[in-house]
Amino acid sequence: MTQIITPKNQLLEVAHILHKHIGDYQNQYRLWPQHKKIVSDLLNCRTAQLGGHIEQCDNCGTVRITYHSCRNRHCPKCQHMPRERWLEKRKDEILPINYFHVVFTLPHELNTVILNNKKLMLNCLFAAASKTLLTFGQNQLNGTPGFLASLHSWDQKLNAHFHLHCLVAGGVVTKDNKRFIPCTGDYLFNQEALSRVFRAKFMQHMGHACQNKKIRLAAEAYKKLKHTLFTKPWVVSVRDPVNRPDHVLEYLARYTHRVAIANSRIQSLKDGMVSFTAINQKNTAQNPSPSAPWSLSEGFCSTACPRALSESAIMAFWPIVIEWLN
């Protein structure tokens, strides 16, 4: 008798939670068209809904049924091969110079505005961070720096936390494109100075958007928000030179083709609560984090990257330094 092997799913996945509780989410929030597509793809990924193919062993006759994947970049089960191809290309571009890991973080006071104007506000984030690095490269090193930027929009507990991870080459190409000037020692730029310039450039972009009515924010509300944002320091972190830039790339690659939460982090779904692991930043311990299923659905949907921004979120700006040195 021919043995037939059918796909076996992990005991608990994001898709299971969405299948059981997406209705609870829809009772409280509107499911936007982009989110509908994501939910539909995740629910149907590697099921008969997307079709599949049959493989049969020539020796024993065993038949294996394999269903097609959805290939949605938000799916925890997909994008492995695209991610590996992306990572391989980026590793090939690594140069024998110092690299610095720089993180630009937006204050949480902006979360509501960002979530309601994702494409525009995230473009402001990329523009402000890139112009800040380019300005410092020109003013302090007299050249053009090269860097890669990757958007992260959540923290370990799926709360909104918008920040940009940048892998910055330790040096610049001169204006005439004839020389490469390396950084001095282990120093790139002063992070407090970066913070002030980043804040100014972001607020300039956001202010133009408000003036052009691209962001629906009352004048008085914007004035109050602007005052709040200018009276607090913004967080820009410049790490020490990384010994293995490929390790930073591997870290970024976890997010360039996937978002939110991996199935392996989900521990249980019972008594109306879902529990998943979250790393405690103070001691790096993995602690269980209980949450209502609809809340996890909310967090998952809120991390979705705007379609028009997907590519720029993966690669914002990678070195012209590479072209010159190679």
C-alpha atoms as a PDB file:
ATOM      1  CA  MET A   1       0.000   0.000   0.000  1.00  0.00           C
ATOM      2  CA  THR A   2       1.394   3.425  -0.983  1.00  0.00           C
ATOM      3  CA  GLN A   3       2.364   5.583   1.953  1.00  0.00           C
ATOM      4  CA  ILE A   4       1.148   9.172   1.669  1.00  0.00           C
ATOM      5  CA  ILE A   5       2.935  11.872   3.652  1.00  0.00           C
ATOM      6  CA  THR A   6       1.020  15.126   4.171  1.00  0.00           C
ATOM      7  CA  PRO A   7       2.448  18.381   5.580  1.00  0.00           C
ATOM      8  CA  LYS A   8       2.445  18.718   9.353  1.00  0.00           C
ATOM      9  CA  ASN A   9       2.168  22.154  10.884  1.00  0.00           C
ATOM     10  CA  GLN A  10       3.835  23.373  14.049  1.00  0.00           C
ATOM     11  CA  LEU A  11       1.577  22.961  17.069  1.00  0.00           C
ATOM     12  CA  LEU A  12       0.970  26.689  17.413  1.00  0.00           C
ATOM     13  CA  GLU A  13       1.499  29.402  14.806  1.00  0.00           C
ATOM     14  CA  VAL A  14       0.525  33.007  14.173  1.00  0.00           C
ATOM     15  CA  ALA A  15      -1.908  31.650  11.574  1.00  0.00           C
ATOM     16  CA  HIS A  16      -3.733  29.620  14.246  1.00  0.00           C
ATOM     17  CA  ILE A  17      -4.202  32.710  16.406  1.00  0.00           C
ATOM     18  CA  LEU A  18      -5.431  34.753  13.448  1.00  0.00           C
ATOM     19  CA  HIS A  19      -7.822  31.969  12.437  1.00  0.00           C
ATOM     20  CA  LYS A  20      -9.396  31.812  15.900  1.00  0.00           C
ATOM     21  CA  HIS A  21      -9.305  35.454  16.936  1.00  0.00           C
ATOM     22  CA  ILE A  22      -9.119  37.776  13.923  1.00  0.00           C
ATOM     23  CA  GLY A  23     -12.861  38.283  14.413  1.00  0.00           C
ATOM     24  CA  ASP A  24     -12.181  39.679  17.912  1.00  0.00           C
ATOM     25  CA  TYR A  25      -9.726  42.121  16.374  1.00  0.00           C
ATOM     26  CA  GLN A  26     -12.243  43.187  13.723  1.00  0.00           C
ATOM     27  CA  ASN A  27     -14.816  43.874  16.439  1.00  0.00           C
ATOM     28  CA  GLN A  28     -12.564  46.657  17.705  1.00  0.00           C
ATOM     29  CA  TYR A  29     -10.559  47.776  14.677  1.00  0.00           C
ATOM     30  CA  ARG A  30     -10.990  48.138  10.954  1.00  0.00           C
ATOM     31  CA  LEU A  31      -9.045  45.611   8.886  1.00  0.00           C
ATOM     32  CA  TRP A  32      -7.493  47.671   6.090  1.00  0.00           C
ATOM     33  CA  PRO A  33      -7.098  46.177   2.572  1.00  0.00           C
ATOM     34  CA  GLN A  34      -3.354  45.647   3.025  1.00  0.00           C
ATOM     35  CA  HIS A  35      -3.993  43.883   6.339  1.00  0.00           C
ATOM     36  CA  LYS A  36      -6.727  41.742   4.768  1.00  0.00           C
ATOM     37  CA  LYS A  37      -4.215  40.565   2.165  1.00  0.00           C
ATOM     38  CA  ILE A  38      -1.646  39.749   4.839  1.00  0.00           C
ATOM     39  CA  VAL A  39      -4.162  37.869   7.008  1.00  0.00           C
ATOM     40  CA  SER A  40      -5.511  35.956   4.002  1.00  0.00           C
ATOM     41  CA  ASP A  41      -2.005  34.960   2.887  1.00  0.00           C
ATOM     42  CA  LEU A  42      -0.964  33.808   6.354  1.00  0.00           C
ATOM     43  CA  LEU A  43      -4.146  31.779   6.855  1.00  0.00           C
ATOM     44  CA  ASN A  44      -3.737  30.040   3.496  1.00  0.00           C
ATOM     45  CA  CYS A  45       0.037  29.609   3.491  1.00  0.00           C
ATOM     46  CA  ARG A  46       1.068  25.993   2.852  1.00  0.00           C
ATOM     47  CA  THR A  47      -2.514  24.786   2.704  1.00  0.00           C
ATOM     48  CA  ALA A  48      -4.582  23.289  -0.105  1.00  0.00           C
ATOM     49  CA  GLN A  49      -6.025  26.763  -0.748  1.00  0.00           C
ATOM     50  CA  LEU A  50      -2.827  27.773  -2.548  1.00  0.00           C
ATOM     51  CA  GLY A  51      -2.394  24.469  -4.358  1.00  0.00           C
ATOM     52  CA  GLY A  52       0.675  22.310  -4.226  1.00  0.00           C
ATOM     53  CA  HIS A  53       2.525  19.474  -5.873  1.00  0.00           C
ATOM     54  CA  ILE A  54       3.006  15.744  -5.379  1.00  0.00           C
ATOM     55  CA  GLU A  55       6.368  14.017  -5.113  1.00  0.00           C
ATOM     56  CA  GLN A  56       6.791  10.242  -5.339  1.00  0.00           C
ATOM     57  CA  CYS A  57       9.819   8.127  -4.469  1.00  0.00           C
ATOM     58  CA  ASP A  58      11.036   5.991  -7.386  1.00  0.00           C
ATOM     59  CA  ASN A  59      12.117   3.189  -5.040  1.00  0.00           C
ATOM     60  CA  CYS A  60       9.404   2.722  -2.409  1.00  0.00           C
ATOM     61  CA  GLY A  61       6.531   4.589  -4.051  1.00  0.00           C
ATOM     62  CA  THR A  62       5.961   6.847  -1.038  1.00  0.00           C
ATOM     63  CA  VAL A  63       3.962   9.925  -2.015  1.00  0.00           C
ATOM     64  CA  ARG A  64       4.583  13.293  -0.398  1.00  0.00           C
ATOM     65  CA  ILE A  65       2.169  16.209  -0.749  1.00  0.00           C
ATOM     66  CA  THR A  66       3.706  19.666  -0.476  1.00  0.00           C
ATOM     67  CA  TYR A  67       1.550  22.796  -0.457  1.00  0.00           C
ATOM     68  CA  HIS A  68       2.695  26.130  -1.852  1.00  0.00           C
ATOM     69  CA  SER A  69       3.765  28.999   0.379  1.00  0.00           C
ATOM     70  CA  CYS A  70       2.215  32.485   0.247  1.00  0.00           C
ATOM     71  CA  ARG A  71       5.568  34.303  -0.131  1.00  0.00           C
ATOM     72  CA  ASN A  72       4.208  37.273   1.770  1.00  0.00           C
ATOM     73  CA  ARG A  73       7.096  39.151   3.411  1.00  0.00           C
ATOM     74  CA  HIS A  74       5.045  39.351   6.631  1.00  0.00           C
ATOM     75  CA  CYS A  75       4.658  35.566   6.899  1.00  0.00           C
ATOM     76  CA  PRO A  76       6.718  33.828   9.625  1.00  0.00           C
ATOM     77  CA  LYS A  77       7.000  30.706   7.422  1.00  0.00           C
ATOM     78  CA  CYS A  78       8.138  32.365   4.194  1.00  0.00           C
ATOM     79  CA  GLN A  79      10.956  34.467   2.753  1.00  0.00           C
ATOM     80  CA  HIS A  80      13.808  32.206   3.889  1.00  0.00           C
ATOM     81  CA  MET A  81      15.458  31.962   0.459  1.00  0.00           C
ATOM     82  CA  PRO A  82      14.966  35.664  -0.478  1.00  0.00           C
ATOM     83  CA  ARG A  83      16.464  36.571   2.884  1.00  0.00           C
ATOM     84  CA  GLU A  84      19.484  34.323   2.299  1.00  0.00           C
ATOM     85  CA  ARG A  85      20.002  35.765  -1.200  1.00  0.00           C
ATOM     86  CA  TRP A  86      19.792  39.309   0.186  1.00  0.00           C
ATOM     87  CA  LEU A  87      22.263  38.438   2.941  1.00  0.00           C
ATOM     88  CA  GLU A  88      24.705  36.827   0.511  1.00  0.00           C
ATOM     89  CA  LYS A  89      24.713  39.927  -1.721  1.00  0.00           C
ATOM     90  CA  ARG A  90      25.273  42.258   1.216  1.00  0.00           C
ATOM     91  CA  LYS A  91      28.120  40.127   2.590  1.00  0.00           C
ATOM     92  CA  ASP A  92      29.803  40.262  -0.816  1.00  0.00           C
ATOM     93  CA  GLU A  93      29.794  44.058  -0.498  1.00  0.00           C
ATOM     94  CA  ILE A  94      31.585  44.131   2.860  1.00  0.00           C
ATOM     95  CA  LEU A  95      34.883  46.012   2.637  1.00  0.00           C
ATOM     96  CA  PRO A  96      38.092  45.563   4.708  1.00  0.00           C
ATOM     97  CA  ILE A  97      37.384  48.688   6.771  1.00  0.00           C
ATOM     98  CA  ASN A  98      35.723  49.560  10.076  1.00  0.00           C
ATOM     99  CA  TYR A  99      31.936  49.574  10.246  1.00  0.00           C
ATOM    100  CA  PHE A 100      29.723  51.254  12.818  1.00  0.00           C
ATOM    101  CA  HIS A 101      26.239  50.264  13.956  1.00  0.00           C
ATOM    102  CA  VAL A 102      24.129  53.430  14.336  1.00  0.00           C
ATOM    103  CA  VAL A 103      20.504  53.429  15.525  1.00  0.00           C
ATOM    104  CA  PHE A 104      18.097  56.357  15.023  1.00  0.00           C
ATOM    105  CA  THR A 105      15.006  56.126  17.273  1.00  0.00           C
ATOM    106  CA  LEU A 106      11.822  58.192  17.067  1.00  0.00           C
ATOM    107  CA  PRO A 107      10.179  59.300  20.349  1.00  0.00           C
ATOM    108  CA  HIS A 108       7.048  57.371  21.299  1.00  0.00           C
ATOM    109  CA  GLU A 109       5.102  60.633  21.349  1.00  0.00           C
ATOM    110  CA  LEU A 110       5.085  60.307  17.541  1.00  0.00           C
ATOM    111  CA  ASN A 111       3.585  56.793  17.498  1.00  0.00           C
ATOM    112  CA  THR A 112      -0.032  57.849  16.942  1.00  0.00           C
ATOM    113  CA  VAL A 113       0.886  60.197  14.094  1.00  0.00           C
ATOM    114  CA  ILE A 114       3.091  57.542  12.479  1.00  0.00           C
ATOM    115  CA  LEU A 115       0.480  54.793  12.714  1.00  0.00           C
ATOM    116  CA  ASN A 116      -2.036  57.061  10.974  1.00  0.00           C
ATOM    117  CA  ASN A 117       0.435  58.316   8.342  1.00  0.00           C
ATOM    118  CA  LYS A 118       2.841  55.412   7.957  1.00  0.00           C
ATOM    119  CA  LYS A 119       4.169  55.892   4.452  1.00  0.00           C
ATOM    120  CA  LEU A 120       4.792  59.620   4.820  1.00  0.00           C
ATOM    121  CA  MET A 121       6.216  59.547   8.348  1.00  0.00           C
ATOM    122  CA  LEU A 122       8.508  56.594   7.687  1.00  0.00           C
ATOM    123  CA  ASN A 123       9.802  58.320   4.577  1.00  0.00           C
ATOM    124  CA  CYS A 124      10.537  61.292   6.847  1.00  0.00           C
ATOM    125  CA  LEU A 125      12.499  58.941   9.116  1.00  0.00           C
ATOM    126  CA  PHE A 126      14.615  57.583   6.259  1.00  0.00           C
ATOM    127  CA  ALA A 127      15.187  61.056   4.818  1.00  0.00           C
ATOM    128  CA  ALA A 128      16.159  62.603   8.167  1.00  0.00           C
ATOM    129  CA  ALA A 129      18.548  59.787   9.112  1.00  0.00           C
ATOM    130  CA  SER A 130      20.231  59.644   5.700  1.00  0.00           C
ATOM    131  CA  LYS A 131      20.605  63.434   5.457  1.00  0.00           C
ATOM    132  CA  THR A 132      22.038  63.521   8.974  1.00  0.00           C
ATOM    133  CA  LEU A 133      24.740  60.971   8.123  1.00  0.00           C
ATOM    134  CA  LEU A 134      25.480  62.658   4.790  1.00  0.00           C
ATOM    135  CA  THR A 135      25.757  66.066   6.488  1.00  0.00           C
ATOM    136  CA  PHE A 136      28.198  64.772   9.104  1.00  0.00           C
ATOM    137  CA  GLY A 137      30.215  62.992   6.415  1.00  0.00           C
ATOM    138  CA  GLN A 138      30.563  66.186   4.417  1.00  0.00           C
ATOM    139  CA  ASN A 139      31.206  68.516   7.360  1.00  0.00           C
ATOM    140  CA  GLN A 140      33.562  66.363   9.446  1.00  0.00           C
ATOM    141  CA  LEU A 141      35.249  64.064   6.923  1.00  0.00           C
ATOM    142  CA  ASN A 142      34.824  66.112   3.744  1.00  0.00           C
ATOM    143  CA  GLY A 143      33.226  63.333   1.726  1.00  0.00           C
ATOM    144  CA  THR A 144      30.254  61.046   1.164  1.00  0.00           C
ATOM    145  CA  PRO A 145      29.683  58.166   3.609  1.00  0.00           C
ATOM    146  CA  GLY A 146      28.046  54.893   2.665  1.00  0.00           C
ATOM    147  CA  PHE A 147      25.508  53.050   4.777  1.00  0.00           C
ATOM    148  CA  LEU A 148      22.666  50.567   4.772  1.00  0.00           C
ATOM    149  CA  ALA A 149      19.484  51.298   6.721  1.00  0.00           C
ATOM    150  CA  SER A 150      16.851  48.849   7.905  1.00  0.00           C
ATOM    151  CA  LEU A 151      13.531  49.856   9.458  1.00  0.00           C
ATOM    152  CA  HIS A 152      12.302  48.220  12.656  1.00  0.00           C
ATOM    153  CA  SER A 153       8.849  49.270  13.816  1.00  0.00           C
ATOM    154  CA  TRP A 154       8.210  47.170  16.919  1.00  0.00           C
ATOM    155  CA  ASP A 155       9.754  45.942  20.140  1.00  0.00           C
ATOM    156  CA  GLN A 156       9.847  42.437  21.603  1.00  0.00           C
ATOM    157  CA  LYS A 157       6.305  42.789  22.956  1.00  0.00           C
ATOM    158  CA  LEU A 158       4.966  44.016  19.578  1.00  0.00           C
ATOM    159  CA  ASN A 159       4.530  47.574  20.820  1.00  0.00           C
ATOM    160  CA  ALA A 160       5.143  50.367  18.309  1.00  0.00           C
ATOM    161  CA  HIS A 161       8.808  51.343  18.465  1.00  0.00           C
ATOM    162  CA  PHE A 162      10.019  53.011  15.273  1.00  0.00           C
ATOM    163  CA  HIS A 163      13.769  53.018  14.758  1.00  0.00           C
ATOM    164  CA  LEU A 164      16.312  52.693  11.983  1.00  0.00           C
ATOM    165  CA  HIS A 165      19.342  50.406  12.177  1.00  0.00           C
ATOM    166  CA  CYS A 166      22.219  51.662  10.035  1.00  0.00           C
ATOM    167  CA  LEU A 167      25.441  49.857   9.184  1.00  0.00           C
ATOM    168  CA  VAL A 168      27.794  52.723   8.359  1.00  0.00           C
ATOM    169  CA  ALA A 169      31.110  52.336   6.544  1.00  0.00           C
ATOM    170  CA  GLY A 170      33.966  53.856   8.571  1.00  0.00           C
ATOM    171  CA  GLY A 171      35.041  56.505   6.108  1.00  0.00           C
ATOM    172  CA  VAL A 172      34.014  58.612   3.116  1.00  0.00           C
ATOM    173  CA  VAL A 173      34.691  59.009  -0.590  1.00  0.00           C
ATOM    174  CA  THR A 174      36.028  62.450  -1.472  1.00  0.00           C
ATOM    175  CA  LYS A 175      33.949  64.867  -3.535  1.00  0.00           C
ATOM    176  CA  ASP A 176      36.032  64.190  -6.653  1.00  0.00           C
ATOM    177  CA  ASN A 177      35.504  60.407  -6.191  1.00  0.00           C
ATOM    178  CA  LYS A 178      39.267  59.827  -6.310  1.00  0.00           C
ATOM    179  CA  ARG A 179      40.124  59.008  -2.695  1.00  0.00           C
ATOM    180  CA  PHE A 180      38.738  57.134   0.279  1.00  0.00           C
ATOM    181  CA  ILE A 181      39.255  58.794   3.659  1.00  0.00           C
ATOM    182  CA  PRO A 182      38.948  56.368   6.616  1.00  0.00           C
ATOM    183  CA  CYS A 183      37.720  57.390  10.058  1.00  0.00           C
ATOM    184  CA  THR A 184      40.274  58.085  12.754  1.00  0.00           C
ATOM    185  CA  GLY A 185      40.579  55.141  15.124  1.00  0.00           C
ATOM    186  CA  ASP A 186      37.346  53.906  16.690  1.00  0.00           C
ATOM    187  CA  TYR A 187      35.479  57.204  16.355  1.00  0.00           C
ATOM    188  CA  LEU A 188      32.708  57.975  13.854  1.00  0.00           C
ATOM    189  CA  PHE A 189      30.520  60.916  14.941  1.00  0.00           C
ATOM    190  CA  ASN A 190      29.372  62.352  18.263  1.00  0.00           C
ATOM    191  CA  GLN A 191      26.010  60.777  19.021  1.00  0.00           C
ATOM    192  CA  GLU A 192      24.619  63.798  20.909  1.00  0.00           C
ATOM    193  CA  ALA A 193      25.364  66.020  17.929  1.00  0.00           C
ATOM    194  CA  LEU A 194      23.817  63.409  15.619  1.00  0.00           C
ATOM    195  CA  SER A 195      20.731  63.387  17.827  1.00  0.00           C
ATOM    196  CA  ARG A 196      20.206  67.150  17.624  1.00  0.00           C
ATOM    197  CA  VAL A 197      20.679  67.307  13.841  1.00  0.00           C
ATOM    198  CA  PHE A 198      18.472  64.235  13.308  1.00  0.00           C
ATOM    199  CA  ARG A 199      15.699  65.813  15.390  1.00  0.00           C
ATOM    200  CA  ALA A 200      15.921  69.090  13.465  1.00  0.00           C
ATOM    201  CA  LYS A 201      15.852  67.400  10.053  1.00  0.00           C
ATOM    202  CA  PHE A 202      12.968  65.100  10.976  1.00  0.00           C
ATOM    203  CA  MET A 203      10.893  67.964  12.354  1.00  0.00           C
ATOM    204  CA  GLN A 204      11.661  69.978   9.216  1.00  0.00           C
ATOM    205  CA  HIS A 205      10.303  67.170   7.006  1.00  0.00           C
ATOM    206  CA  MET A 206       7.289  66.660   9.241  1.00  0.00           C
ATOM    207  CA  GLY A 207       6.626  70.409   9.360  1.00  0.00           C
ATOM    208  CA  HIS A 208       6.586  70.645   5.558  1.00  0.00           C
ATOM    209  CA  ALA A 209       4.140  67.733   5.422  1.00  0.00           C
ATOM    210  CA  CYS A 210       1.830  69.460   7.901  1.00  0.00           C
ATOM    211  CA  GLN A 211       2.009  72.760   6.011  1.00  0.00           C
ATOM    212  CA  ASN A 212       1.103  70.966   2.772  1.00  0.00           C
ATOM    213  CA  LYS A 213      -1.850  69.251   4.512  1.00  0.00           C
ATOM    214  CA  LYS A 214      -0.336  65.816   3.908  1.00  0.00           C
ATOM    215  CA  ILE A 215      -0.722  65.041   7.607  1.00  0.00           C
ATOM    216  CA  ARG A 216      -4.096  65.640   9.199  1.00  0.00           C
ATOM    217  CA  LEU A 217      -3.041  67.354  12.394  1.00  0.00           C
ATOM    218  CA  ALA A 218      -4.634  70.499  13.802  1.00  0.00           C
ATOM    219  CA  ALA A 219      -2.313  73.491  13.997  1.00  0.00           C
ATOM    220  CA  GLU A 220      -2.610  73.730  17.782  1.00  0.00           C
ATOM    221  CA  ALA A 221      -2.004  69.979  18.201  1.00  0.00           C
ATOM    222  CA  TYR A 222       1.099  70.156  15.980  1.00  0.00           C
ATOM    223  CA  LYS A 223       2.408  73.183  17.904  1.00  0.00           C
ATOM    224  CA  LYS A 224       2.006  71.330  21.210  1.00  0.00           C
ATOM    225  CA  LEU A 225       3.599  68.160  19.833  1.00  0.00           C
ATOM    226  CA  LYS A 226       6.487  70.139  18.345  1.00  0.00           C
ATOM    227  CA  HIS A 227       7.166  71.806  21.705  1.00  0.00           C
ATOM    228  CA  THR A 228       7.187  68.424  23.434  1.00  0.00           C
ATOM    229  CA  LEU A 229       9.540  66.901  20.874  1.00  0.00           C
ATOM    230  CA  PHE A 230      12.016  69.780  20.988  1.00  0.00           C
ATOM    231  CA  THR A 231      12.194  69.788  24.786  1.00  0.00           C
ATOM    232  CA  LYS A 232      13.374  66.189  25.059  1.00  0.00           C
ATOM    233  CA  PRO A 233      16.547  64.527  23.774  1.00  0.00           C
ATOM    234  CA  TRP A 234      16.156  62.085  20.898  1.00  0.00           C
ATOM    235  CA  VAL A 235      17.963  58.776  21.082  1.00  0.00           C
ATOM    236  CA  VAL A 236      20.699  58.135  18.532  1.00  0.00           C
ATOM    237  CA  SER A 237      23.121  55.374  19.425  1.00  0.00           C
ATOM    238  CA  VAL A 238      26.570  55.015  17.855  1.00  0.00           C
ATOM    239  CA  ARG A 239      28.029  51.650  18.788  1.00  0.00           C
ATOM    240  CA  ASP A 240      31.747  50.848  18.863  1.00  0.00           C
ATOM    241  CA  PRO A 241      33.193  49.557  15.587  1.00  0.00           C
ATOM    242  CA  VAL A 242      31.816  46.101  14.884  1.00  0.00           C
ATOM    243  CA  ASN A 243      34.392  43.327  14.660  1.00  0.00           C
ATOM    244  CA  ARG A 244      32.216  41.283  12.327  1.00  0.00           C
ATOM    245  CA  PRO A 245      29.939  43.462  10.149  1.00  0.00           C
ATOM    246  CA  ASP A 246      28.479  40.266   8.679  1.00  0.00           C
ATOM    247  CA  HIS A 247      27.002  39.564  12.144  1.00  0.00           C
ATOM    248  CA  VAL A 248      25.151  42.890  12.018  1.00  0.00           C
ATOM    249  CA  LEU A 249      23.910  42.012   8.534  1.00  0.00           C
ATOM    250  CA  GLU A 250      22.639  38.669   9.826  1.00  0.00           C
ATOM    251  CA  TYR A 251      20.777  40.539  12.568  1.00  0.00           C
ATOM    252  CA  LEU A 252      19.244  42.964  10.047  1.00  0.00           C
ATOM    253  CA  ALA A 253      18.337  40.093   7.713  1.00  0.00           C
ATOM    254  CA  ARG A 254      15.951  38.731  10.355  1.00  0.00           C
ATOM    255  CA  TYR A 255      13.802  41.805   9.747  1.00  0.00           C
ATOM    256  CA  THR A 256      14.251  42.687   6.070  1.00  0.00           C
ATOM    257  CA  HIS A 257      12.061  39.819   4.895  1.00  0.00           C
ATOM    258  CA  ARG A 258      10.015  39.071   8.002  1.00  0.00           C
ATOM    259  CA  VAL A 259       8.250  41.131  10.641  1.00  0.00           C
ATOM    260  CA  ALA A 260       6.745  41.068  14.096  1.00  0.00           C
ATOM    261  CA  ILE A 261       7.048  37.603  15.589  1.00  0.00           C
ATOM    262  CA  ALA A 262       8.367  34.150  14.726  1.00  0.00           C
ATOM    263  CA  ASN A 263       6.195  31.091  15.324  1.00  0.00           C
ATOM    264  CA  SER A 264       8.915  29.660  17.570  1.00  0.00           C
ATOM    265  CA  ARG A 265       8.280  32.455  20.109  1.00  0.00           C
ATOM    266  CA  ILE A 266       4.634  31.475  20.666  1.00  0.00           C
ATOM    267  CA  GLN A 267       4.292  29.253  23.728  1.00  0.00           C
ATOM    268  CA  SER A 268       0.599  28.747  24.384  1.00  0.00           C
ATOM    269  CA  LEU A 269      -2.957  29.803  23.588  1.00  0.00           C
ATOM    270  CA  LYS A 270      -5.371  29.044  26.405  1.00  0.00           C
ATOM    271  CA  ASP A 271      -7.975  30.687  28.619  1.00  0.00           C
ATOM    272  CA  GLY A 272      -8.330  33.520  26.124  1.00  0.00           C
ATOM    273  CA  MET A 273      -4.662  34.494  26.376  1.00  0.00           C
ATOM    274  CA  VAL A 274      -1.657  33.907  24.151  1.00  0.00           C
ATOM    275  CA  SER A 275       1.808  33.681  25.679  1.00  0.00           C
ATOM    276  CA  PHE A 276       5.017  34.325  23.742  1.00  0.00           C
ATOM    277  CA  THR A 277       8.640  34.858  24.703  1.00  0.00           C
ATOM    278  CA  ALA A 278      10.116  38.353  24.843  1.00  0.00           C
ATOM    279  CA  ILE A 279      13.734  39.222  25.562  1.00  0.00           C
ATOM    280  CA  ASN A 280      14.309  41.387  28.620  1.00  0.00           C
ATOM    281  CA  GLN A 281      16.710  44.079  27.397  1.00  0.00           C
ATOM    282  CA  LYS A 282      18.271  44.432  30.862  1.00  0.00           C
ATOM    283  CA  ASN A 283      19.422  40.851  31.265  1.00  0.00           C
ATOM    284  CA  THR A 284      18.691  39.368  27.786  1.00  0.00           C
ATOM    285  CA  ALA A 285      16.571  36.669  29.431  1.00  0.00           C
ATOM    286  CA  GLN A 286      13.628  35.282  27.476  1.00  0.00           C
ATOM    287  CA  ASN A 287      10.536  35.827  29.576  1.00  0.00           C
ATOM    288  CA  PRO A 288       6.969  34.769  28.735  1.00  0.00           C
ATOM    289  CA  SER A 289       4.740  37.707  27.829  1.00  0.00           C
ATOM    290  CA  PRO A 290       0.970  37.041  28.120  1.00  0.00           C
ATOM    291  CA  SER A 291      -1.361  38.958  25.815  1.00  0.00           C
ATOM    292  CA  ALA A 292      -4.937  38.847  24.584  1.00  0.00           C
ATOM    293  CA  PRO A 293      -5.099  37.220  21.100  1.00  0.00           C
ATOM    294  CA  TRP A 294      -6.796  40.258  19.580  1.00  0.00           C
ATOM    295  CA  SER A 295      -4.012  42.409  21.053  1.00  0.00           C
ATOM    296  CA  LEU A 296      -1.378  40.240  19.398  1.00  0.00           C
ATOM    297  CA  SER A 297      -3.329  40.563  16.133  1.00  0.00           C
ATOM    298  CA  GLU A 298      -3.335  44.334  16.611  1.00  0.00           C
ATOM    299  CA  GLY A 299       0.415  44.384  17.196  1.00  0.00           C
ATOM    300  CA  PHE A 300       1.039  42.122  14.224  1.00  0.00           C
ATOM    301  CA  CYS A 301      -1.050  44.255  11.838  1.00  0.00           C
ATOM    302  CA  SER A 302       0.428  47.527  13.107  1.00  0.00           C
ATOM    303  CA  THR A 303       3.943  46.346  12.180  1.00  0.00           C
ATOM    304  CA  ALA A 304       2.994  45.797   8.533  1.00  0.00           C
ATOM    305  CA  CYS A 305       5.226  47.800   6.240  1.00  0.00           C
ATOM    306  CA  PRO A 306       3.474  50.061   3.698  1.00  0.00           C
ATOM    307  CA  ARG A 307       3.655  48.439   0.266  1.00  0.00           C
ATOM    308  CA  ALA A 308       5.312  51.408  -1.412  1.00  0.00           C
ATOM    309  CA  LEU A 309       7.912  51.553   1.367  1.00  0.00           C
ATOM    310  CA  SER A 310       8.869  47.876   1.430  1.00  0.00           C
ATOM    311  CA  GLU A 311      11.906  48.145  -0.814  1.00  0.00           C
ATOM    312  CA  SER A 312      13.279  51.316   0.770  1.00  0.00           C
ATOM    313  CA  ALA A 313      12.805  49.704   4.183  1.00  0.00           C
ATOM    314  CA  ILE A 314      15.057  46.872   3.070  1.00  0.00           C
ATOM    315  CA  MET A 315      17.802  48.937   1.463  1.00  0.00           C
ATOM    316  CA  ALA A 316      17.764  52.662   1.983  1.00  0.00           C
ATOM    317  CA  PHE A 317      21.298  53.600   0.916  1.00  0.00           C
ATOM    318  CA  TRP A 318      24.302  51.318   0.443  1.00  0.00           C
ATOM    319  CA  PRO A 319      27.797  52.578  -0.189  1.00  0.00           C
ATOM    320  CA  ILE A 320      28.916  54.309  -3.324  1.00  0.00           C
ATOM    321  CA  VAL A 321      32.119  53.535  -1.418  1.00  0.00           C
ATOM    322  CA  ILE A 322      31.762  49.976  -2.741  1.00  0.00           C
ATOM    323  CA  GLU A 323      31.759  51.131  -6.354  1.00  0.00           C
ATOM    324  CA  TRP A 324      34.864  53.231  -5.799  1.00  0.00           C
ATOM    325  CA  LEU A 325      36.976  50.720  -3.823  1.00  0.00           C
ATOM    326  CA  ASN A 326      36.040  47.741  -5.970  1.00  0.00           C
END
